[in-house]
Amino acid sequence: MPYLTLLFLANGIILYIPGHLSQGNKDSRSMSPMDGILIGLGAALAMIPGISRIGAAVSVAGSRGAGKEHALRWALLLNLAALLVVVGYDFY
């Protein structure tokens, strides 16, 4: 139980820090491939119990200079791909 508590605390820190960074105004055309890779790696943190996939992806996108709307859109698109894979596997 203390391990899970520490992971939830880490999730809170991941979600808290980007809210205090300066907000950028990058959109899809101005993001680099490295930004996409880092956003995907942020979403991959969700493999650790207690870490939110969408929250981590939005936090990484925000820290890379994306606006809030674009960061949320990218995180939801990443989530959509993961859900389609799970549904396909369940259907199979």
PDB file of N, CA and C in Angstrom:
ATOM      1  N   MET A   1       0.800  -1.199   0.000  1.00  0.00           N
ATOM      2  CA  MET A   1       0.000   0.000   0.000  1.00  0.00           C
ATOM      3  C   MET A   1       0.853   1.277   0.000  1.00  0.00           C
ATOM      4  N   PRO A   2       1.964   1.317   0.750  1.00  0.00           N
ATOM      5  CA  PRO A   2       2.787   2.537   0.679  1.00  0.00           C
ATOM      6  C   PRO A   2       3.365   2.763  -0.716  1.00  0.00           C
ATOM      7  N   TYR A   3       3.673   1.684  -1.430  1.00  0.00           N
ATOM      8  CA  TYR A   3       4.192   1.800  -2.796  1.00  0.00           C
ATOM      9  C   TYR A   3       3.162   2.464  -3.703  1.00  0.00           C
ATOM     10  N   LEU A   4       1.917   2.043  -3.613  1.00  0.00           N
ATOM     11  CA  LEU A   4       0.860   2.618  -4.427  1.00  0.00           C
ATOM     12  C   LEU A   4       0.623   4.080  -4.050  1.00  0.00           C
ATOM     13  N   THR A   5       0.740   4.389  -2.776  1.00  0.00           N
ATOM     14  CA  THR A   5       0.592   5.768  -2.329  1.00  0.00           C
ATOM     15  C   THR A   5       1.663   6.655  -2.943  1.00  0.00           C
ATOM     16  N   LEU A   6       2.890   6.167  -2.998  1.00  0.00           N
ATOM     17  CA  LEU A   6       3.973   6.937  -3.616  1.00  0.00           C
ATOM     18  C   LEU A   6       3.742   7.127  -5.114  1.00  0.00           C
ATOM     19  N   LEU A   7       3.180   6.123  -5.774  1.00  0.00           N
ATOM     20  CA  LEU A   7       2.902   6.260  -7.196  1.00  0.00           C
ATOM     21  C   LEU A   7       1.795   7.274  -7.454  1.00  0.00           C
ATOM     22  N   PHE A   8       0.769   7.287  -6.616  1.00  0.00           N
ATOM     23  CA  PHE A   8      -0.274   8.306  -6.754  1.00  0.00           C
ATOM     24  C   PHE A   8       0.291   9.704  -6.499  1.00  0.00           C
ATOM     25  N   LEU A   9       1.219   9.814  -5.559  1.00  0.00           N
ATOM     26  CA  LEU A   9       1.859  11.094  -5.298  1.00  0.00           C
ATOM     27  C   LEU A   9       2.690  11.526  -6.503  1.00  0.00           C
ATOM     28  N   ALA A  10       3.399  10.581  -7.118  1.00  0.00           N
ATOM     29  CA  ALA A  10       4.168  10.897  -8.330  1.00  0.00           C
ATOM     30  C   ALA A  10       3.237  11.357  -9.443  1.00  0.00           C
ATOM     31  N   ASN A  11       2.073  10.742  -9.571  1.00  0.00           N
ATOM     32  CA  ASN A  11       1.105  11.160 -10.585  1.00  0.00           C
ATOM     33  C   ASN A  11       0.650  12.596 -10.312  1.00  0.00           C
ATOM     34  N   GLY A  12       0.412  12.931  -9.060  1.00  0.00           N
ATOM     35  CA  GLY A  12       0.024  14.290  -8.722  1.00  0.00           C
ATOM     36  C   GLY A  12       1.092  15.303  -9.079  1.00  0.00           C
ATOM     37  N   ILE A  13       2.355  14.934  -8.861  1.00  0.00           N
ATOM     38  CA  ILE A  13       3.456  15.834  -9.209  1.00  0.00           C
ATOM     39  C   ILE A  13       3.546  15.992 -10.717  1.00  0.00           C
ATOM     40  N   ILE A  14       3.375  14.891 -11.457  1.00  0.00           N
ATOM     41  CA  ILE A  14       3.413  14.958 -12.923  1.00  0.00           C
ATOM     42  C   ILE A  14       2.324  15.889 -13.443  1.00  0.00           C
ATOM     43  N   LEU A  15       1.165  15.867 -12.821  1.00  0.00           N
ATOM     44  CA  LEU A  15       0.060  16.709 -13.274  1.00  0.00           C
ATOM     45  C   LEU A  15       0.176  18.145 -12.763  1.00  0.00           C
ATOM     46  N   TYR A  16       0.888  18.370 -11.664  1.00  0.00           N
ATOM     47  CA  TYR A  16       0.954  19.687 -11.041  1.00  0.00           C
ATOM     48  C   TYR A  16       1.994  20.592 -11.687  1.00  0.00           C
ATOM     49  N   ILE A  17       3.160  20.057 -11.999  1.00  0.00           N
ATOM     50  CA  ILE A  17       4.279  20.876 -12.468  1.00  0.00           C
ATOM     51  C   ILE A  17       3.980  21.613 -13.777  1.00  0.00           C
ATOM     52  N   PRO A  18       3.469  20.977 -14.827  1.00  0.00           N
ATOM     53  CA  PRO A  18       3.256  21.718 -16.080  1.00  0.00           C
ATOM     54  C   PRO A  18       2.238  22.851 -15.960  1.00  0.00           C
ATOM     55  N   GLY A  19       1.384  22.814 -14.971  1.00  0.00           N
ATOM     56  CA  GLY A  19       0.434  23.903 -14.794  1.00  0.00           C
ATOM     57  C   GLY A  19       1.104  25.203 -14.405  1.00  0.00           C
ATOM     58  N   HIS A  20       2.333  25.120 -13.912  1.00  0.00           N
ATOM     59  CA  HIS A  20       3.053  26.307 -13.484  1.00  0.00           C
ATOM     60  C   HIS A  20       4.163  26.698 -14.443  1.00  0.00           C
ATOM     61  N   LEU A  21       4.299  25.986 -15.541  1.00  0.00           N
ATOM     62  CA  LEU A  21       5.245  26.366 -16.577  1.00  0.00           C
ATOM     63  C   LEU A  21       4.583  27.368 -17.513  1.00  0.00           C
ATOM     64  N   SER A  22       5.392  28.112 -18.237  1.00  0.00           N
ATOM     65  CA  SER A  22       4.808  29.063 -19.184  1.00  0.00           C
ATOM     66  C   SER A  22       4.102  28.305 -20.307  1.00  0.00           C
ATOM     67  N   GLN A  23       2.927  28.774 -20.665  1.00  0.00           N
ATOM     68  CA  GLN A  23       2.128  28.115 -21.703  1.00  0.00           C
ATOM     69  C   GLN A  23       2.617  28.539 -23.082  1.00  0.00           C
ATOM     70  N   GLY A  24       2.779  27.570 -23.948  1.00  0.00           N
ATOM     71  CA  GLY A  24       3.189  27.844 -25.310  1.00  0.00           C
ATOM     72  C   GLY A  24       1.977  27.945 -26.214  1.00  0.00           C
ATOM     73  N   ASN A  25       2.255  28.112 -27.470  1.00  0.00           N
ATOM     74  CA  ASN A  25       1.174  28.175 -28.442  1.00  0.00           C
ATOM     75  C   ASN A  25       1.485  27.316 -29.658  1.00  0.00           C
ATOM     76  N   LYS A  26       2.196  26.214 -29.449  1.00  0.00           N
ATOM     77  CA  LYS A  26       2.487  25.306 -30.550  1.00  0.00           C
ATOM     78  C   LYS A  26       1.211  24.585 -30.969  1.00  0.00           C
ATOM     79  N   ASP A  27       1.083  24.390 -32.273  1.00  0.00           N
ATOM     80  CA  ASP A  27      -0.018  23.579 -32.771  1.00  0.00           C
ATOM     81  C   ASP A  27       0.579  22.393 -33.524  1.00  0.00           C
ATOM     82  N   SER A  28      -0.238  21.670 -34.241  1.00  0.00           N
ATOM     83  CA  SER A  28       0.223  20.449 -34.908  1.00  0.00           C
ATOM     84  C   SER A  28       1.310  20.723 -35.946  1.00  0.00           C
ATOM     85  N   ARG A  29       1.238  21.857 -36.601  1.00  0.00           N
ATOM     86  CA  ARG A  29       2.231  22.153 -37.638  1.00  0.00           C
ATOM     87  C   ARG A  29       3.585  22.536 -37.083  1.00  0.00           C
ATOM     88  N   SER A  30       3.638  23.054 -35.875  1.00  0.00           N
ATOM     89  CA  SER A  30       4.914  23.515 -35.333  1.00  0.00           C
ATOM     90  C   SER A  30       5.562  22.508 -34.377  1.00  0.00           C
ATOM     91  N   MET A  31       4.900  21.395 -34.137  1.00  0.00           N
ATOM     92  CA  MET A  31       5.498  20.371 -33.277  1.00  0.00           C
ATOM     93  C   MET A  31       6.508  19.552 -34.077  1.00  0.00           C
ATOM     94  N   SER A  32       7.600  19.179 -33.435  1.00  0.00           N
ATOM     95  CA  SER A  32       8.634  18.390 -34.096  1.00  0.00           C
ATOM     96  C   SER A  32       8.383  16.899 -33.848  1.00  0.00           C
ATOM     97  N   PRO A  33       9.041  16.040 -34.603  1.00  0.00           N
ATOM     98  CA  PRO A  33       8.916  14.602 -34.337  1.00  0.00           C
ATOM     99  C   PRO A  33       9.373  14.227 -32.922  1.00  0.00           C
ATOM    100  N   MET A  34      10.374  14.938 -32.402  1.00  0.00           N
ATOM    101  CA  MET A  34      10.835  14.657 -31.044  1.00  0.00           C
ATOM    102  C   MET A  34       9.737  14.969 -30.026  1.00  0.00           C
ATOM    103  N   ASP A  35       8.940  15.995 -30.283  1.00  0.00           N
ATOM    104  CA  ASP A  35       7.812  16.294 -29.396  1.00  0.00           C
ATOM    105  C   ASP A  35       6.828  15.131 -29.377  1.00  0.00           C
ATOM    106  N   GLY A  36       6.548  14.568 -30.530  1.00  0.00           N
ATOM    107  CA  GLY A  36       5.635  13.429 -30.606  1.00  0.00           C
ATOM    108  C   GLY A  36       6.169  12.207 -29.869  1.00  0.00           C
ATOM    109  N   ILE A  37       7.471  11.973 -30.005  1.00  0.00           N
ATOM    110  CA  ILE A  37       8.074  10.839 -29.312  1.00  0.00           C
ATOM    111  C   ILE A  37       7.994  11.032 -27.800  1.00  0.00           C
ATOM    112  N   LEU A  38       8.278  12.247 -27.338  1.00  0.00           N
ATOM    113  CA  LEU A  38       8.239  12.503 -25.902  1.00  0.00           C
ATOM    114  C   LEU A  38       6.815  12.436 -25.351  1.00  0.00           C
ATOM    115  N   ILE A  39       5.834  12.880 -26.119  1.00  0.00           N
ATOM    116  CA  ILE A  39       4.444  12.768 -25.683  1.00  0.00           C
ATOM    117  C   ILE A  39       4.048  11.300 -25.581  1.00  0.00           C
ATOM    118  N   GLY A  40       4.471  10.495 -26.556  1.00  0.00           N
ATOM    119  CA  GLY A  40       4.191   9.059 -26.500  1.00  0.00           C
ATOM    120  C   GLY A  40       4.875   8.384 -25.325  1.00  0.00           C
ATOM    121  N   LEU A  41       6.108   8.784 -25.018  1.00  0.00           N
ATOM    122  CA  LEU A  41       6.794   8.215 -23.857  1.00  0.00           C
ATOM    123  C   LEU A  41       6.124   8.645 -22.561  1.00  0.00           C
ATOM    124  N   GLY A  42       5.593   9.862 -22.550  1.00  0.00           N
ATOM    125  CA  GLY A  42       4.833  10.301 -21.384  1.00  0.00           C
ATOM    126  C   GLY A  42       3.593   9.450 -21.183  1.00  0.00           C
ATOM    127  N   ALA A  43       2.923   9.121 -22.280  1.00  0.00           N
ATOM    128  CA  ALA A  43       1.747   8.253 -22.185  1.00  0.00           C
ATOM    129  C   ALA A  43       2.148   6.837 -21.780  1.00  0.00           C
ATOM    130  N   ALA A  44       3.352   6.420 -22.136  1.00  0.00           N
ATOM    131  CA  ALA A  44       3.815   5.079 -21.773  1.00  0.00           C
ATOM    132  C   ALA A  44       4.068   4.956 -20.274  1.00  0.00           C
ATOM    133  N   LEU A  45       4.189   6.075 -19.574  1.00  0.00           N
ATOM    134  CA  LEU A  45       4.335   6.027 -18.118  1.00  0.00           C
ATOM    135  C   LEU A  45       3.127   5.381 -17.457  1.00  0.00           C
ATOM    136  N   ALA A  46       2.012   5.300 -18.175  1.00  0.00           N
ATOM    137  CA  ALA A  46       0.789   4.736 -17.609  1.00  0.00           C
ATOM    138  C   ALA A  46       0.921   3.238 -17.352  1.00  0.00           C
ATOM    139  N   MET A  47       1.986   2.632 -17.837  1.00  0.00           N
ATOM    140  CA  MET A  47       2.197   1.224 -17.527  1.00  0.00           C
ATOM    141  C   MET A  47       2.525   1.043 -16.055  1.00  0.00           C
ATOM    142  N   ILE A  48       2.953   2.116 -15.409  1.00  0.00           N
ATOM    143  CA  ILE A  48       3.216   2.085 -13.970  1.00  0.00           C
ATOM    144  C   ILE A  48       1.878   2.299 -13.269  1.00  0.00           C
ATOM    145  N   PRO A  49       1.510   1.458 -12.329  1.00  0.00           N
ATOM    146  CA  PRO A  49       0.223   1.626 -11.638  1.00  0.00           C
ATOM    147  C   PRO A  49       0.147   2.986 -10.939  1.00  0.00           C
ATOM    148  N   GLY A  50      -0.997   3.625 -11.065  1.00  0.00           N
ATOM    149  CA  GLY A  50      -1.221   4.898 -10.406  1.00  0.00           C
ATOM    150  C   GLY A  50      -0.927   6.105 -11.257  1.00  0.00           C
ATOM    151  N   ILE A  51      -0.387   5.922 -12.456  1.00  0.00           N
ATOM    152  CA  ILE A  51      -0.061   7.041 -13.337  1.00  0.00           C
ATOM    153  C   ILE A  51      -1.145   7.142 -14.405  1.00  0.00           C
ATOM    154  N   SER A  52      -1.659   8.324 -14.604  1.00  0.00           N
ATOM    155  CA  SER A  52      -2.711   8.568 -15.582  1.00  0.00           C
ATOM    156  C   SER A  52      -2.106   8.734 -16.973  1.00  0.00           C
ATOM    157  N   ARG A  53      -2.604   7.977 -17.947  1.00  0.00           N
ATOM    158  CA  ARG A  53      -2.079   8.043 -19.305  1.00  0.00           C
ATOM    159  C   ARG A  53      -2.350   9.394 -19.936  1.00  0.00           C
ATOM    160  N   ILE A  54      -3.579   9.844 -19.866  1.00  0.00           N
ATOM    161  CA  ILE A  54      -3.920  11.127 -20.474  1.00  0.00           C
ATOM    162  C   ILE A  54      -3.251  12.271 -19.720  1.00  0.00           C
ATOM    163  N   GLY A  55      -3.226  12.174 -18.403  1.00  0.00           N
ATOM    164  CA  GLY A  55      -2.594  13.225 -17.612  1.00  0.00           C
ATOM    165  C   GLY A  55      -1.109  13.359 -17.901  1.00  0.00           C
ATOM    166  N   ALA A  56      -0.414  12.247 -18.016  1.00  0.00           N
ATOM    167  CA  ALA A  56       1.020  12.295 -18.302  1.00  0.00           C
ATOM    168  C   ALA A  56       1.275  12.832 -19.705  1.00  0.00           C
ATOM    169  N   ALA A  57       0.477  12.417 -20.677  1.00  0.00           N
ATOM    170  CA  ALA A  57       0.667  12.908 -22.050  1.00  0.00           C
ATOM    171  C   ALA A  57       0.374  14.400 -22.141  1.00  0.00           C
ATOM    172  N   VAL A  58      -0.671  14.870 -21.472  1.00  0.00           N
ATOM    173  CA  VAL A  58      -0.987  16.300 -21.478  1.00  0.00           C
ATOM    174  C   VAL A  58       0.112  17.089 -20.780  1.00  0.00           C
ATOM    175  N   SER A  59       0.643  16.552 -19.708  1.00  0.00           N
ATOM    176  CA  SER A  59       1.717  17.236 -18.987  1.00  0.00           C
ATOM    177  C   SER A  59       2.970  17.369 -19.835  1.00  0.00           C
ATOM    178  N   VAL A  60       3.343  16.304 -20.526  1.00  0.00           N
ATOM    179  CA  VAL A  60       4.528  16.363 -21.385  1.00  0.00           C
ATOM    180  C   VAL A  60       4.294  17.316 -22.556  1.00  0.00           C
ATOM    181  N   ALA A  61       3.123  17.249 -23.165  1.00  0.00           N
ATOM    182  CA  ALA A  61       2.832  18.146 -24.290  1.00  0.00           C
ATOM    183  C   ALA A  61       2.834  19.596 -23.838  1.00  0.00           C
ATOM    184  N   GLY A  62       2.281  19.869 -22.669  1.00  0.00           N
ATOM    185  CA  GLY A  62       2.294  21.233 -22.152  1.00  0.00           C
ATOM    186  C   GLY A  62       3.691  21.720 -21.839  1.00  0.00           C
ATOM    187  N   SER A  63       4.530  20.832 -21.326  1.00  0.00           N
ATOM    188  CA  SER A  63       5.902  21.238 -21.020  1.00  0.00           C
ATOM    189  C   SER A  63       6.734  21.418 -22.290  1.00  0.00           C
ATOM    190  N   ARG A  64       6.305  20.827 -23.402  1.00  0.00           N
ATOM    191  CA  ARG A  64       6.995  21.007 -24.677  1.00  0.00           C
ATOM    192  C   ARG A  64       6.496  22.233 -25.440  1.00  0.00           C
ATOM    193  N   GLY A  65       5.556  22.986 -24.861  1.00  0.00           N
ATOM    194  CA  GLY A  65       5.126  24.233 -25.469  1.00  0.00           C
ATOM    195  C   GLY A  65       3.799  24.172 -26.186  1.00  0.00           C
ATOM    196  N   ALA A  66       3.070  23.097 -26.067  1.00  0.00           N
ATOM    197  CA  ALA A  66       1.774  22.990 -26.735  1.00  0.00           C
ATOM    198  C   ALA A  66       0.723  23.746 -25.936  1.00  0.00           C
ATOM    199  N   GLY A  67      -0.259  24.290 -26.632  1.00  0.00           N
ATOM    200  CA  GLY A  67      -1.380  24.903 -25.958  1.00  0.00           C
ATOM    201  C   GLY A  67      -2.239  23.838 -25.293  1.00  0.00           C
ATOM    202  N   LYS A  68      -3.075  24.252 -24.359  1.00  0.00           N
ATOM    203  CA  LYS A  68      -3.857  23.276 -23.598  1.00  0.00           C
ATOM    204  C   LYS A  68      -4.809  22.479 -24.482  1.00  0.00           C
ATOM    205  N   GLU A  69      -5.448  23.145 -25.442  1.00  0.00           N
ATOM    206  CA  GLU A  69      -6.394  22.427 -26.310  1.00  0.00           C
ATOM    207  C   GLU A  69      -5.681  21.399 -27.179  1.00  0.00           C
ATOM    208  N   HIS A  70      -4.535  21.789 -27.724  1.00  0.00           N
ATOM    209  CA  HIS A  70      -3.791  20.861 -28.576  1.00  0.00           C
ATOM    210  C   HIS A  70      -3.222  19.706 -27.760  1.00  0.00           C
ATOM    211  N   ALA A  71      -2.744  19.988 -26.554  1.00  0.00           N
ATOM    212  CA  ALA A  71      -2.198  18.927 -25.715  1.00  0.00           C
ATOM    213  C   ALA A  71      -3.268  17.897 -25.375  1.00  0.00           C
ATOM    214  N   LEU A  72      -4.458  18.362 -25.049  1.00  0.00           N
ATOM    215  CA  LEU A  72      -5.536  17.431 -24.735  1.00  0.00           C
ATOM    216  C   LEU A  72      -5.971  16.649 -25.968  1.00  0.00           C
ATOM    217  N   ARG A  73      -6.008  17.289 -27.114  1.00  0.00           N
ATOM    218  CA  ARG A  73      -6.381  16.597 -28.359  1.00  0.00           C
ATOM    219  C   ARG A  73      -5.395  15.478 -28.672  1.00  0.00           C
ATOM    220  N   TRP A  74      -4.090  15.765 -28.536  1.00  0.00           N
ATOM    221  CA  TRP A  74      -3.091  14.726 -28.817  1.00  0.00           C
ATOM    222  C   TRP A  74      -3.182  13.581 -27.820  1.00  0.00           C
ATOM    223  N   ALA A  75      -3.401  13.909 -26.558  1.00  0.00           N
ATOM    224  CA  ALA A  75      -3.505  12.856 -25.551  1.00  0.00           C
ATOM    225  C   ALA A  75      -4.714  11.964 -25.809  1.00  0.00           C
ATOM    226  N   LEU A  76      -5.826  12.562 -26.200  1.00  0.00           N
ATOM    227  CA  LEU A  76      -7.011  11.755 -26.491  1.00  0.00           C
ATOM    228  C   LEU A  76      -6.827  10.918 -27.745  1.00  0.00           C
ATOM    229  N   LEU A  77      -6.110  11.443 -28.737  1.00  0.00           N
ATOM    230  CA  LEU A  77      -5.830  10.638 -29.933  1.00  0.00           C
ATOM    231  C   LEU A  77      -4.926   9.456 -29.600  1.00  0.00           C
ATOM    232  N   LEU A  78      -3.950   9.661 -28.714  1.00  0.00           N
ATOM    233  CA  LEU A  78      -3.122   8.541 -28.269  1.00  0.00           C
ATOM    234  C   LEU A  78      -3.959   7.504 -27.535  1.00  0.00           C
ATOM    235  N   ASN A  79      -4.880   7.971 -26.717  1.00  0.00           N
ATOM    236  CA  ASN A  79      -5.750   7.071 -25.975  1.00  0.00           C
ATOM    237  C   ASN A  79      -6.661   6.298 -26.924  1.00  0.00           C
ATOM    238  N   LEU A  80      -7.131   6.946 -27.974  1.00  0.00           N
ATOM    239  CA  LEU A  80      -7.996   6.288 -28.947  1.00  0.00           C
ATOM    240  C   LEU A  80      -7.277   5.119 -29.615  1.00  0.00           C
ATOM    241  N   ALA A  81      -6.013   5.318 -29.974  1.00  0.00           N
ATOM    242  CA  ALA A  81      -5.252   4.238 -30.606  1.00  0.00           C
ATOM    243  C   ALA A  81      -5.090   3.053 -29.653  1.00  0.00           C
ATOM    244  N   ALA A  82      -4.794   3.337 -28.391  1.00  0.00           N
ATOM    245  CA  ALA A  82      -4.634   2.254 -27.418  1.00  0.00           C
ATOM    246  C   ALA A  82      -5.948   1.508 -27.213  1.00  0.00           C
ATOM    247  N   LEU A  83      -7.046   2.235 -27.159  1.00  0.00           N
ATOM    248  CA  LEU A  83      -8.341   1.583 -26.968  1.00  0.00           C
ATOM    249  C   LEU A  83      -8.737   0.736 -28.170  1.00  0.00           C
ATOM    250  N   LEU A  84      -8.423   1.184 -29.373  1.00  0.00           N
ATOM    251  CA  LEU A  84      -8.728   0.391 -30.563  1.00  0.00           C
ATOM    252  C   LEU A  84      -7.949  -0.920 -30.569  1.00  0.00           C
ATOM    253  N   VAL A  85      -6.716  -0.889 -30.120  1.00  0.00           N
ATOM    254  CA  VAL A  85      -5.922  -2.113 -30.046  1.00  0.00           C
ATOM    255  C   VAL A  85      -6.526  -3.082 -29.029  1.00  0.00           C
ATOM    256  N   VAL A  86      -6.947  -2.560 -27.884  1.00  0.00           N
ATOM    257  CA  VAL A  86      -7.545  -3.419 -26.858  1.00  0.00           C
ATOM    258  C   VAL A  86      -8.860  -4.012 -27.352  1.00  0.00           C
ATOM    259  N   VAL A  87      -9.683  -3.218 -28.011  1.00  0.00           N
ATOM    260  CA  VAL A  87     -10.962  -3.713 -28.534  1.00  0.00           C
ATOM    261  C   VAL A  87     -10.713  -4.776 -29.610  1.00  0.00           C
ATOM    262  N   GLY A  88      -9.738  -4.524 -30.485  1.00  0.00           N
ATOM    263  CA  GLY A  88      -9.404  -5.517 -31.505  1.00  0.00           C
ATOM    264  C   GLY A  88      -8.918  -6.814 -30.900  1.00  0.00           C
ATOM    265  N   TYR A  89      -8.117  -6.728 -29.864  1.00  0.00           N
ATOM    266  CA  TYR A  89      -7.636  -7.932 -29.204  1.00  0.00           C
ATOM    267  C   TYR A  89      -8.783  -8.679 -28.525  1.00  0.00           C
ATOM    268  N   ASP A  90      -9.664  -7.948 -27.863  1.00  0.00           N
ATOM    269  CA  ASP A  90     -10.822  -8.591 -27.221  1.00  0.00           C
ATOM    270  C   ASP A  90     -11.742  -9.227 -28.256  1.00  0.00           C
ATOM    271  N   PHE A  91     -11.912  -8.572 -29.386  1.00  0.00           N
ATOM    272  CA  PHE A  91     -12.787  -9.123 -30.428  1.00  0.00           C
ATOM    273  C   PHE A  91     -12.184 -10.393 -31.008  1.00  0.00           C
ATOM    274  N   TYR A  92     -10.854 -10.398 -31.174  1.00  0.00           N
ATOM    275  CA  TYR A  92     -10.160 -11.572 -31.710  1.00  0.00           C
ATOM    276  C   TYR A  92     -10.319 -12.736 -30.757  1.00  0.00           C
TER     277      TYR A  92
END
